[in-house]
Each structure stands twice: as structure tokens, then as C-alpha cells.
Amino acid sequence: MGERILVDVDRLREALIEETGPASFTGSPWAIVDVAALEDADPQELLREAERRGWDLRRFEA
């Protein structure tokens, strides 16, 4: 069974947006859509995205 931690979702959301945002300035329409999706994502979606990117969620432990 995996380790359980409490994640600060606001910090996680900000970090995901910070990493995705710069691509939107290069004119990538997909990045703009991604940022909008991250802004509206529920906590579970944010966790899945961070895991998909290979992030260590302990960085965002509350």
C-alpha cells in the first residue's frame, strides 16, 4: 500500500500552471487550453496530472 500524504492543492495547481504557462507564450494553442483546464481542474485531476509528469507529490505536502 502506498504512502498517504496531505497535498496543498493550491500550491500544486500553481506549480502545474507555472510549468505549463510559458508554452502558451510561444503561441501553442494546446498550452492555453491546458492552463485553462488546470485552473478549473478538481484536486483529483491535478494529482493525476502531477503523477503523469512524474512529480514527487511530497514537494506539495501540507
Protein backbone atom coordinates (compact mmCIF):
# COMPACT_ATOMS: atom_id res chain seq x y z
CA MET A 1 0.00 0.00 0.00
CA GLY A 2 1.32 3.45 -0.93
CA GLU A 3 2.24 6.26 1.39
CA ARG A 4 -0.56 8.74 2.09
CA ILE A 5 0.15 12.45 2.34
CA LEU A 6 -1.95 15.57 2.52
CA VAL A 7 -1.25 17.72 -0.55
CA ASP A 8 -1.60 21.51 -0.69
CA VAL A 9 -3.75 21.60 -3.82
CA ASP A 10 -3.36 25.35 -4.31
CA ARG A 11 0.44 25.07 -4.41
CA LEU A 12 0.20 22.07 -6.73
CA ARG A 13 -2.14 23.94 -9.09
CA GLU A 14 0.19 26.97 -9.16
CA ALA A 15 3.22 24.80 -9.94
CA LEU A 16 1.43 22.96 -12.75
CA ILE A 17 0.28 26.25 -14.27
CA GLU A 18 3.76 27.77 -13.90
CA GLU A 19 5.30 24.86 -15.78
CA THR A 20 2.62 24.87 -18.50
CA GLY A 21 2.16 28.63 -18.90
CA PRO A 22 5.37 29.54 -20.73
CA ALA A 23 4.40 27.34 -23.67
CA SER A 24 1.30 29.47 -24.14
CA PHE A 25 3.52 32.50 -24.81
CA THR A 26 5.14 30.67 -27.72
CA GLY A 27 1.76 30.57 -29.40
CA SER A 28 0.88 26.98 -28.62
CA PRO A 29 -2.92 26.81 -28.56
CA TRP A 30 -2.71 23.50 -26.68
CA ALA A 31 -0.82 25.14 -23.82
CA ILE A 32 -3.50 27.81 -23.50
CA VAL A 33 -6.14 25.09 -23.28
CA ASP A 34 -4.00 23.18 -20.76
CA VAL A 35 -3.66 26.23 -18.49
CA ALA A 36 -7.41 26.84 -18.59
CA ALA A 37 -8.05 23.17 -17.78
CA LEU A 38 -5.63 23.29 -14.85
CA GLU A 39 -7.30 26.41 -13.47
CA ASP A 40 -10.66 24.56 -13.41
CA ALA A 41 -9.41 21.07 -12.53
CA ASP A 42 -10.60 19.33 -9.40
CA PRO A 43 -7.98 18.08 -6.90
CA GLN A 44 -8.00 14.51 -8.24
CA GLU A 45 -7.30 15.71 -11.77
CA LEU A 46 -4.40 17.82 -10.50
CA LEU A 47 -2.94 14.83 -8.66
CA ARG A 48 -3.23 12.65 -11.78
CA GLU A 49 -1.53 15.32 -13.91
CA ALA A 50 1.33 15.73 -11.43
CA GLU A 51 1.81 11.95 -11.32
CA ARG A 52 1.70 11.80 -15.14
CA ARG A 53 4.53 14.34 -15.19
CA GLY A 54 6.48 12.20 -12.74
CA TRP A 55 6.41 14.77 -9.95
CA ASP A 56 7.09 13.81 -6.34
CA LEU A 57 3.93 14.93 -4.55
CA ARG A 58 5.83 15.23 -1.27
CA ARG A 59 7.00 18.59 -2.64
CA PHE A 60 3.47 19.83 -2.07
CA GLU A 61 2.82 18.25 1.31
CA ALA A 62 0.60 20.42 3.50
